Amino acid sequence: MNNISHAMRTHLIFNDLHIPYHQPDVLGAILGFGREFQPDQIDIPGDLLDCIGLTLKYRAAQRDERVHRVQFEIDQGQAFLKLLRDLFPKVDIHLHEGNHEDRLNRYVNQHCPELRGLHGLSVPGLLDLAGLKITWHPLGQLGVYGNLHITHGDLIRQHSAYTARSMLEKYGVCVLFGHTHRGGVYYKTAGRKTWAAWENFCTCRFDMPWVVGCSNWQHGFSVVHNDMRTRFHVQQVPIIGGQFVYAGQEFRVNRQSADLVRDIKRAKV
């Protein structure tokens, strides 16, 4: 068998941190994995921040200081991105807007539309993405990397992989996305062509303040090898029972993993 030789870029992809409700040991383990394997690019497909204080229906339901912590979340989000840039100084980093970051846009549009367009009232401006040299992708925009597309996602179905099928039907391209907090994949072949869509887990706590009952979520991330033209390979890496396996090597989630994000303090809830 002849090898097809094209230069491949490696992407590390994780999402739905929902800072300050992120899971420090899981997130730290992923960053530690990234430091060992040194990706060419890191993508965060949305919901870096939670922005619970900007949603009226949750503000009305909350009776403590959480609803007044918008600046606190922005500070934590910026601290995390600075840590990410410090750990990966030469890596291309892309942040894709999620529906939770979009809460800021909706709030401004509803309550002070005359301030729309102010750089200081945008997520990229507040997080200093330009200073950190992080590329921003607005909500709904597909990040295009050859034949693989990345976005946050805007659909949720009842079961794992059901949403992947709906996303593939909606966009008609190979797409990797977050939003559902689950892992899953759906493939479709027609003629000589095959398409797929991947749900990319989450890295937040399972006991979110707005979750009622048991959450059917999974922690994890993906590694993508991509020639940025036609060929790519997605390897989903679920984190189950505090462990994950990649390339035959076992990794554990533990307190040492959490030390990588020690500067990002969790909210007291």
C-alpha atoms as a PDB file:
ATOM      1  CA  MET A   1       0.000   0.000   0.000  1.00  0.00           C
ATOM      2  CA  ASN A   2       1.328   3.429  -0.958  1.00  0.00           C
ATOM      3  CA  ASN A   3       1.132   6.226   1.586  1.00  0.00           C
ATOM      4  CA  ILE A   4      -0.495   9.466   0.479  1.00  0.00           C
ATOM      5  CA  SER A   5       1.972  12.101   1.651  1.00  0.00           C
ATOM      6  CA  HIS A   6       0.491  15.492   2.510  1.00  0.00           C
ATOM      7  CA  ALA A   7       1.637  17.729   5.331  1.00  0.00           C
ATOM      8  CA  MET A   8      -0.874  17.409   8.154  1.00  0.00           C
ATOM      9  CA  ARG A   9      -1.740  19.995  10.806  1.00  0.00           C
ATOM     10  CA  THR A  10      -2.870  18.817  14.219  1.00  0.00           C
ATOM     11  CA  HIS A  11      -5.852  20.523  15.874  1.00  0.00           C
ATOM     12  CA  LEU A  12      -6.736  20.228  19.563  1.00  0.00           C
ATOM     13  CA  ILE A  13     -10.442  20.999  20.008  1.00  0.00           C
ATOM     14  CA  PHE A  14     -12.371  21.426  23.263  1.00  0.00           C
ATOM     15  CA  ASN A  15     -15.394  23.519  24.129  1.00  0.00           C
ATOM     16  CA  ASP A  16     -18.213  24.446  26.495  1.00  0.00           C
ATOM     17  CA  LEU A  17     -16.054  25.493  29.435  1.00  0.00           C
ATOM     18  CA  HIS A  18     -18.797  27.781  30.778  1.00  0.00           C
ATOM     19  CA  ILE A  19     -16.298  29.715  32.887  1.00  0.00           C
ATOM     20  CA  PRO A  20     -16.543  30.100  35.885  1.00  0.00           C
ATOM     21  CA  TYR A  21     -18.295  26.716  36.009  1.00  0.00           C
ATOM     22  CA  HIS A  22     -15.470  24.883  34.222  1.00  0.00           C
ATOM     23  CA  GLN A  23     -14.113  21.563  35.511  1.00  0.00           C
ATOM     24  CA  PRO A  24     -10.488  22.420  36.463  1.00  0.00           C
ATOM     25  CA  ASP A  25      -9.029  18.900  36.551  1.00  0.00           C
ATOM     26  CA  VAL A  26     -10.576  17.925  33.195  1.00  0.00           C
ATOM     27  CA  LEU A  27      -9.511  21.165  31.545  1.00  0.00           C
ATOM     28  CA  GLY A  28      -6.044  20.926  33.058  1.00  0.00           C
ATOM     29  CA  ALA A  29      -5.645  17.357  31.798  1.00  0.00           C
ATOM     30  CA  ILE A  30      -6.520  18.471  28.258  1.00  0.00           C
ATOM     31  CA  LEU A  31      -4.012  21.325  28.401  1.00  0.00           C
ATOM     32  CA  GLY A  32      -1.368  18.973  29.783  1.00  0.00           C
ATOM     33  CA  PHE A  33      -2.085  16.590  26.915  1.00  0.00           C
ATOM     34  CA  GLY A  34      -1.726  19.493  24.486  1.00  0.00           C
ATOM     35  CA  ARG A  35       1.630  20.510  25.929  1.00  0.00           C
ATOM     36  CA  GLU A  36       2.899  16.974  25.384  1.00  0.00           C
ATOM     37  CA  PHE A  37       1.608  16.562  21.841  1.00  0.00           C
ATOM     38  CA  GLN A  38       2.032  20.211  20.717  1.00  0.00           C
ATOM     39  CA  PRO A  39      -0.820  20.891  18.277  1.00  0.00           C
ATOM     40  CA  ASP A  40      -0.528  23.351  15.414  1.00  0.00           C
ATOM     41  CA  GLN A  41      -3.926  24.832  16.197  1.00  0.00           C
ATOM     42  CA  ILE A  42      -6.360  25.012  19.100  1.00  0.00           C
ATOM     43  CA  ASP A  43     -10.076  25.573  18.525  1.00  0.00           C
ATOM     44  CA  ILE A  44     -12.642  26.375  21.218  1.00  0.00           C
ATOM     45  CA  PRO A  45     -16.062  25.954  19.560  1.00  0.00           C
ATOM     46  CA  GLY A  46     -18.016  28.214  21.837  1.00  0.00           C
ATOM     47  CA  ASP A  47     -19.347  28.796  25.340  1.00  0.00           C
ATOM     48  CA  LEU A  48     -16.013  29.731  26.831  1.00  0.00           C
ATOM     49  CA  LEU A  49     -18.059  31.935  29.182  1.00  0.00           C
ATOM     50  CA  ASP A  50     -21.383  31.206  30.850  1.00  0.00           C
ATOM     51  CA  CYS A  51     -22.744  34.777  31.217  1.00  0.00           C
ATOM     52  CA  ILE A  52     -25.551  33.655  33.502  1.00  0.00           C
ATOM     53  CA  GLY A  53     -26.071  37.198  34.775  1.00  0.00           C
ATOM     54  CA  LEU A  54     -27.037  38.455  31.292  1.00  0.00           C
ATOM     55  CA  THR A  55     -30.045  36.195  30.820  1.00  0.00           C
ATOM     56  CA  LEU A  56     -33.223  37.580  32.283  1.00  0.00           C
ATOM     57  CA  LYS A  57     -34.990  34.286  32.931  1.00  0.00           C
ATOM     58  CA  TYR A  58     -32.030  33.065  35.010  1.00  0.00           C
ATOM     59  CA  ARG A  59     -31.532  36.421  36.712  1.00  0.00           C
ATOM     60  CA  ALA A  60     -35.124  36.317  37.894  1.00  0.00           C
ATOM     61  CA  ALA A  61     -34.621  32.843  39.327  1.00  0.00           C
ATOM     62  CA  GLN A  62     -31.394  33.642  41.179  1.00  0.00           C
ATOM     63  CA  ARG A  63     -31.282  35.367  44.543  1.00  0.00           C
ATOM     64  CA  ASP A  64     -27.561  35.604  45.205  1.00  0.00           C
ATOM     65  CA  GLU A  65     -24.512  37.433  43.913  1.00  0.00           C
ATOM     66  CA  ARG A  66     -24.019  35.198  40.860  1.00  0.00           C
ATOM     67  CA  VAL A  67     -26.196  37.413  38.700  1.00  0.00           C
ATOM     68  CA  HIS A  68     -23.856  40.391  39.284  1.00  0.00           C
ATOM     69  CA  ARG A  69     -20.673  38.623  38.220  1.00  0.00           C
ATOM     70  CA  VAL A  70     -20.385  39.618  34.580  1.00  0.00           C
ATOM     71  CA  GLN A  71     -17.026  41.339  35.103  1.00  0.00           C
ATOM     72  CA  PHE A  72     -15.888  38.414  37.229  1.00  0.00           C
ATOM     73  CA  GLU A  73     -16.584  36.016  34.341  1.00  0.00           C
ATOM     74  CA  ILE A  74     -14.870  38.290  31.828  1.00  0.00           C
ATOM     75  CA  ASP A  75     -11.783  38.485  34.073  1.00  0.00           C
ATOM     76  CA  GLN A  76     -11.684  34.704  34.447  1.00  0.00           C
ATOM     77  CA  GLY A  77     -12.182  34.143  30.739  1.00  0.00           C
ATOM     78  CA  GLN A  78      -9.377  36.544  29.893  1.00  0.00           C
ATOM     79  CA  ALA A  79      -7.109  34.911  32.494  1.00  0.00           C
ATOM     80  CA  PHE A  80      -7.752  31.508  30.961  1.00  0.00           C
ATOM     81  CA  LEU A  81      -7.005  32.732  27.432  1.00  0.00           C
ATOM     82  CA  LYS A  82      -3.810  34.400  28.633  1.00  0.00           C
ATOM     83  CA  LEU A  83      -2.800  31.115  30.272  1.00  0.00           C
ATOM     84  CA  LEU A  84      -3.598  29.298  27.026  1.00  0.00           C
ATOM     85  CA  ARG A  85      -1.461  31.730  25.039  1.00  0.00           C
ATOM     86  CA  ASP A  86       1.390  31.422  27.552  1.00  0.00           C
ATOM     87  CA  LEU A  87       1.279  27.614  27.325  1.00  0.00           C
ATOM     88  CA  PHE A  88       1.079  27.637  23.523  1.00  0.00           C
ATOM     89  CA  PRO A  89       2.913  30.784  22.363  1.00  0.00           C
ATOM     90  CA  LYS A  90       3.312  29.693  18.726  1.00  0.00           C
ATOM     91  CA  VAL A  91       0.014  27.878  18.219  1.00  0.00           C
ATOM     92  CA  ASP A  92      -2.871  29.296  16.161  1.00  0.00           C
ATOM     93  CA  ILE A  93      -5.797  29.734  18.565  1.00  0.00           C
ATOM     94  CA  HIS A  94      -9.383  30.159  17.370  1.00  0.00           C
ATOM     95  CA  LEU A  95     -12.362  31.052  19.562  1.00  0.00           C
ATOM     96  CA  HIS A  96     -15.809  30.430  18.103  1.00  0.00           C
ATOM     97  CA  GLU A  97     -18.730  32.345  19.609  1.00  0.00           C
ATOM     98  CA  GLY A  98     -21.343  30.270  21.414  1.00  0.00           C
ATOM     99  CA  ASN A  99     -24.911  31.054  22.398  1.00  0.00           C
ATOM    100  CA  HIS A 100     -23.748  31.931  25.935  1.00  0.00           C
ATOM    101  CA  GLU A 101     -21.300  34.593  24.693  1.00  0.00           C
ATOM    102  CA  ASP A 102     -24.106  35.822  22.441  1.00  0.00           C
ATOM    103  CA  ARG A 103     -26.045  36.702  25.589  1.00  0.00           C
ATOM    104  CA  LEU A 104     -24.006  39.920  25.699  1.00  0.00           C
ATOM    105  CA  ASN A 105     -25.116  40.853  22.163  1.00  0.00           C
ATOM    106  CA  ARG A 106     -28.755  40.085  22.949  1.00  0.00           C
ATOM    107  CA  TYR A 107     -28.619  42.087  26.182  1.00  0.00           C
ATOM    108  CA  VAL A 108     -27.155  45.157  24.464  1.00  0.00           C
ATOM    109  CA  ASN A 109     -29.648  44.897  21.592  1.00  0.00           C
ATOM    110  CA  GLN A 110     -32.559  44.696  24.003  1.00  0.00           C
ATOM    111  CA  HIS A 111     -31.575  47.281  26.611  1.00  0.00           C
ATOM    112  CA  CYS A 112     -29.158  49.744  24.963  1.00  0.00           C
ATOM    113  CA  PRO A 113     -29.152  49.245  21.163  1.00  0.00           C
ATOM    114  CA  GLU A 114     -27.524  52.648  20.676  1.00  0.00           C
ATOM    115  CA  LEU A 115     -24.323  51.106  22.065  1.00  0.00           C
ATOM    116  CA  ARG A 116     -24.154  48.339  19.484  1.00  0.00           C
ATOM    117  CA  GLY A 117     -20.842  48.278  17.674  1.00  0.00           C
ATOM    118  CA  LEU A 118     -18.741  49.612  20.545  1.00  0.00           C
ATOM    119  CA  HIS A 119     -15.595  47.503  20.640  1.00  0.00           C
ATOM    120  CA  GLY A 120     -15.502  47.702  24.417  1.00  0.00           C
ATOM    121  CA  LEU A 121     -18.926  46.041  24.614  1.00  0.00           C
ATOM    122  CA  SER A 122     -18.029  43.069  22.419  1.00  0.00           C
ATOM    123  CA  VAL A 123     -16.706  39.720  23.599  1.00  0.00           C
ATOM    124  CA  PRO A 124     -13.541  40.020  21.444  1.00  0.00           C
ATOM    125  CA  GLY A 125     -12.866  43.458  22.918  1.00  0.00           C
ATOM    126  CA  LEU A 126     -13.576  42.497  26.518  1.00  0.00           C
ATOM    127  CA  LEU A 127     -11.364  39.405  26.250  1.00  0.00           C
ATOM    128  CA  ASP A 128      -8.585  41.291  24.384  1.00  0.00           C
ATOM    129  CA  LEU A 129      -8.475  38.684  21.629  1.00  0.00           C
ATOM    130  CA  ALA A 130      -6.462  40.994  19.366  1.00  0.00           C
ATOM    131  CA  GLY A 131      -3.803  41.438  22.041  1.00  0.00           C
ATOM    132  CA  LEU A 132      -3.654  37.698  22.616  1.00  0.00           C
ATOM    133  CA  LYS A 133      -3.578  37.026  18.858  1.00  0.00           C
ATOM    134  CA  ILE A 134      -6.648  34.814  19.003  1.00  0.00           C
ATOM    135  CA  THR A 135      -8.917  34.560  15.954  1.00  0.00           C
ATOM    136  CA  TRP A 136     -12.636  35.186  16.581  1.00  0.00           C
ATOM    137  CA  HIS A 137     -15.484  33.476  14.707  1.00  0.00           C
ATOM    138  CA  PRO A 138     -18.937  35.065  15.241  1.00  0.00           C
ATOM    139  CA  LEU A 139     -21.937  32.927  16.167  1.00  0.00           C
ATOM    140  CA  GLY A 140     -23.207  30.815  13.281  1.00  0.00           C
ATOM    141  CA  GLN A 141     -20.076  31.317  11.175  1.00  0.00           C
ATOM    142  CA  LEU A 142     -18.421  28.100  10.082  1.00  0.00           C
ATOM    143  CA  GLY A 143     -14.669  27.980  10.586  1.00  0.00           C
ATOM    144  CA  VAL A 144     -13.454  26.408   7.352  1.00  0.00           C
ATOM    145  CA  TYR A 145     -10.355  24.198   7.507  1.00  0.00           C
ATOM    146  CA  GLY A 146     -10.230  22.371   4.206  1.00  0.00           C
ATOM    147  CA  ASN A 147     -13.168  19.964   4.176  1.00  0.00           C
ATOM    148  CA  LEU A 148     -13.740  20.204   7.942  1.00  0.00           C
ATOM    149  CA  HIS A 149     -15.949  22.957   9.349  1.00  0.00           C
ATOM    150  CA  ILE A 150     -16.094  23.992  13.015  1.00  0.00           C
ATOM    151  CA  THR A 151     -18.814  25.934  14.793  1.00  0.00           C
ATOM    152  CA  HIS A 152     -20.564  26.040  18.168  1.00  0.00           C
ATOM    153  CA  GLY A 153     -23.847  24.613  16.933  1.00  0.00           C
ATOM    154  CA  ASP A 154     -27.451  25.669  17.414  1.00  0.00           C
ATOM    155  CA  LEU A 155     -29.380  22.397  17.526  1.00  0.00           C
ATOM    156  CA  ILE A 156     -30.010  19.900  20.324  1.00  0.00           C
ATOM    157  CA  ARG A 157     -31.776  16.570  19.925  1.00  0.00           C
ATOM    158  CA  GLN A 158     -32.691  14.022  22.581  1.00  0.00           C
ATOM    159  CA  HIS A 159     -29.884  11.495  22.169  1.00  0.00           C
ATOM    160  CA  SER A 160     -26.166  11.417  21.401  1.00  0.00           C
ATOM    161  CA  ALA A 161     -25.503  11.521  17.633  1.00  0.00           C
ATOM    162  CA  TYR A 162     -29.086  12.586  16.849  1.00  0.00           C
ATOM    163  CA  THR A 163     -27.926  16.195  16.915  1.00  0.00           C
ATOM    164  CA  ALA A 164     -24.948  15.301  14.735  1.00  0.00           C
ATOM    165  CA  ARG A 165     -27.342  13.966  12.111  1.00  0.00           C
ATOM    166  CA  SER A 166     -29.432  17.144  12.251  1.00  0.00           C
ATOM    167  CA  MET A 167     -26.337  19.356  11.954  1.00  0.00           C
ATOM    168  CA  LEU A 168     -25.124  17.412   8.934  1.00  0.00           C
ATOM    169  CA  GLU A 169     -28.530  17.745   7.305  1.00  0.00           C
ATOM    170  CA  LYS A 170     -28.627  21.468   8.077  1.00  0.00           C
ATOM    171  CA  TYR A 171     -25.167  22.403   6.794  1.00  0.00           C
ATOM    172  CA  GLY A 172     -24.500  19.668   4.247  1.00  0.00           C
ATOM    173  CA  VAL A 173     -20.775  19.606   5.080  1.00  0.00           C
ATOM    174  CA  CYS A 174     -18.505  17.772   7.506  1.00  0.00           C
ATOM    175  CA  VAL A 175     -18.849  19.688  10.758  1.00  0.00           C
ATOM    176  CA  LEU A 176     -17.514  19.428  14.297  1.00  0.00           C
ATOM    177  CA  PHE A 177     -19.441  21.332  16.947  1.00  0.00           C
ATOM    178  CA  GLY A 178     -20.152  21.749  20.655  1.00  0.00           C
ATOM    179  CA  HIS A 179     -23.327  22.973  22.361  1.00  0.00           C
ATOM    180  CA  THR A 180     -24.858  19.591  23.291  1.00  0.00           C
ATOM    181  CA  HIS A 181     -22.250  18.734  25.983  1.00  0.00           C
ATOM    182  CA  ARG A 182     -22.266  15.171  24.610  1.00  0.00           C
ATOM    183  CA  GLY A 183     -20.025  13.052  22.434  1.00  0.00           C
ATOM    184  CA  GLY A 184     -21.368  11.545  19.239  1.00  0.00           C
ATOM    185  CA  VAL A 185     -20.820  11.084  15.521  1.00  0.00           C
ATOM    186  CA  TYR A 186     -23.038  10.519  12.504  1.00  0.00           C
ATOM    187  CA  TYR A 187     -21.800   9.330   9.098  1.00  0.00           C
ATOM    188  CA  LYS A 188     -23.544   9.474   5.740  1.00  0.00           C
ATOM    189  CA  THR A 189     -22.350   8.015   2.438  1.00  0.00           C
ATOM    190  CA  ALA A 190     -23.883   8.749  -0.954  1.00  0.00           C
ATOM    191  CA  GLY A 191     -22.183   7.455  -4.065  1.00  0.00           C
ATOM    192  CA  ARG A 192     -18.455   7.846  -3.554  1.00  0.00           C
ATOM    193  CA  LYS A 193     -18.663  10.617  -0.990  1.00  0.00           C
ATOM    194  CA  THR A 194     -18.852  10.348   2.793  1.00  0.00           C
ATOM    195  CA  TRP A 195     -19.803  13.114   5.189  1.00  0.00           C
ATOM    196  CA  ALA A 196     -19.852  13.181   8.980  1.00  0.00           C
ATOM    197  CA  ALA A 197     -20.723  15.411  11.922  1.00  0.00           C
ATOM    198  CA  TRP A 198     -19.200  15.206  15.396  1.00  0.00           C
ATOM    199  CA  GLU A 199     -20.522  16.345  18.789  1.00  0.00           C
ATOM    200  CA  ASN A 200     -17.506  17.407  20.823  1.00  0.00           C
ATOM    201  CA  PHE A 201     -18.336  16.774  24.519  1.00  0.00           C
ATOM    202  CA  CYS A 202     -17.827  19.546  27.145  1.00  0.00           C
ATOM    203  CA  THR A 203     -15.327  20.651  29.791  1.00  0.00           C
ATOM    204  CA  CYS A 204     -17.718  22.208  32.312  1.00  0.00           C
ATOM    205  CA  ARG A 205     -19.140  20.913  35.565  1.00  0.00           C
ATOM    206  CA  PHE A 206     -22.122  18.614  35.360  1.00  0.00           C
ATOM    207  CA  ASP A 207     -23.873  20.379  38.245  1.00  0.00           C
ATOM    208  CA  MET A 208     -24.458  23.686  36.509  1.00  0.00           C
ATOM    209  CA  PRO A 209     -26.708  26.119  38.403  1.00  0.00           C
ATOM    210  CA  TRP A 210     -29.292  26.107  35.605  1.00  0.00           C
ATOM    211  CA  VAL A 211     -29.451  22.301  35.265  1.00  0.00           C
ATOM    212  CA  VAL A 212     -32.413  20.487  36.793  1.00  0.00           C
ATOM    213  CA  GLY A 213     -31.864  16.816  37.553  1.00  0.00           C
ATOM    214  CA  CYS A 214     -29.079  14.613  36.205  1.00  0.00           C
ATOM    215  CA  SER A 215     -27.259  15.920  33.144  1.00  0.00           C
ATOM    216  CA  ASN A 216     -26.679  13.441  30.309  1.00  0.00           C
ATOM    217  CA  TRP A 217     -23.314  14.979  29.446  1.00  0.00           C
ATOM    218  CA  GLN A 218     -19.786  13.696  28.853  1.00  0.00           C
ATOM    219  CA  HIS A 219     -16.346  15.247  29.220  1.00  0.00           C
ATOM    220  CA  GLY A 220     -13.890  14.984  26.361  1.00  0.00           C
ATOM    221  CA  PHE A 221     -12.161  16.610  23.394  1.00  0.00           C
ATOM    222  CA  SER A 222     -11.057  15.837  19.843  1.00  0.00           C
ATOM    223  CA  VAL A 223      -7.778  15.649  17.988  1.00  0.00           C
ATOM    224  CA  VAL A 224      -7.914  16.365  14.257  1.00  0.00           C
ATOM    225  CA  HIS A 225      -5.216  15.717  11.667  1.00  0.00           C
ATOM    226  CA  ASN A 226      -5.906  17.865   8.633  1.00  0.00           C
ATOM    227  CA  ASP A 227      -4.118  18.622   5.372  1.00  0.00           C
ATOM    228  CA  MET A 228      -6.299  21.791   5.139  1.00  0.00           C
ATOM    229  CA  ARG A 229      -7.438  20.710   1.673  1.00  0.00           C
ATOM    230  CA  THR A 230      -9.446  17.522   1.267  1.00  0.00           C
ATOM    231  CA  ARG A 231      -8.260  15.001   3.841  1.00  0.00           C
ATOM    232  CA  PHE A 232      -8.727  15.024   7.597  1.00  0.00           C
ATOM    233  CA  HIS A 233      -9.184  12.578  10.440  1.00  0.00           C
ATOM    234  CA  VAL A 234     -11.155  13.225  13.638  1.00  0.00           C
ATOM    235  CA  GLN A 235     -10.346  11.245  16.756  1.00  0.00           C
ATOM    236  CA  GLN A 236     -12.803  11.781  19.566  1.00  0.00           C
ATOM    237  CA  VAL A 237     -11.325  11.340  23.042  1.00  0.00           C
ATOM    238  CA  PRO A 238     -13.949  10.821  25.761  1.00  0.00           C
ATOM    239  CA  ILE A 239     -12.869  11.304  29.362  1.00  0.00           C
ATOM    240  CA  ILE A 240     -14.603   8.586  31.387  1.00  0.00           C
ATOM    241  CA  GLY A 241     -14.002   7.825  35.031  1.00  0.00           C
ATOM    242  CA  GLY A 242     -11.236  10.412  35.144  1.00  0.00           C
ATOM    243  CA  GLN A 243      -9.201   8.677  32.432  1.00  0.00           C
ATOM    244  CA  PHE A 244      -8.684   8.839  28.685  1.00  0.00           C
ATOM    245  CA  VAL A 245      -6.518   7.044  26.141  1.00  0.00           C
ATOM    246  CA  TYR A 246      -4.745   8.472  23.102  1.00  0.00           C
ATOM    247  CA  ALA A 247      -2.235   6.712  20.828  1.00  0.00           C
ATOM    248  CA  GLY A 248      -2.058   3.773  23.213  1.00  0.00           C
ATOM    249  CA  GLN A 249      -1.124   5.950  26.164  1.00  0.00           C
ATOM    250  CA  GLU A 250      -3.318   6.335  29.253  1.00  0.00           C
ATOM    251  CA  PHE A 251      -3.865   9.721  30.856  1.00  0.00           C
ATOM    252  CA  ARG A 252      -5.492  10.462  34.201  1.00  0.00           C
ATOM    253  CA  VAL A 253      -7.446  13.441  35.420  1.00  0.00           C
ATOM    254  CA  ASN A 254      -6.269  14.424  38.898  1.00  0.00           C
ATOM    255  CA  ARG A 255      -5.345  17.292  41.173  1.00  0.00           C
ATOM    256  CA  GLN A 256      -2.058  17.703  39.356  1.00  0.00           C
ATOM    257  CA  SER A 257      -4.034  18.310  36.159  1.00  0.00           C
ATOM    258  CA  ALA A 258      -6.019  21.052  37.889  1.00  0.00           C
ATOM    259  CA  ASP A 259      -2.784  22.850  38.788  1.00  0.00           C
ATOM    260  CA  LEU A 260      -2.483  23.929  35.144  1.00  0.00           C
ATOM    261  CA  VAL A 261      -5.538  26.120  35.604  1.00  0.00           C
ATOM    262  CA  ARG A 262      -4.778  27.152  39.167  1.00  0.00           C
ATOM    263  CA  ASP A 263      -5.023  30.839  38.211  1.00  0.00           C
ATOM    264  CA  ILE A 264      -8.626  30.403  37.124  1.00  0.00           C
ATOM    265  CA  LYS A 265     -10.628  30.342  40.334  1.00  0.00           C
ATOM    266  CA  ARG A 266     -14.008  28.675  40.360  1.00  0.00           C
ATOM    267  CA  ALA A 267     -17.081  30.640  41.378  1.00  0.00           C
ATOM    268  CA  LYS A 268     -18.521  29.919  44.790  1.00  0.00           C
ATOM    269  CA  VAL A 269     -22.018  28.603  44.137  1.00  0.00           C
END
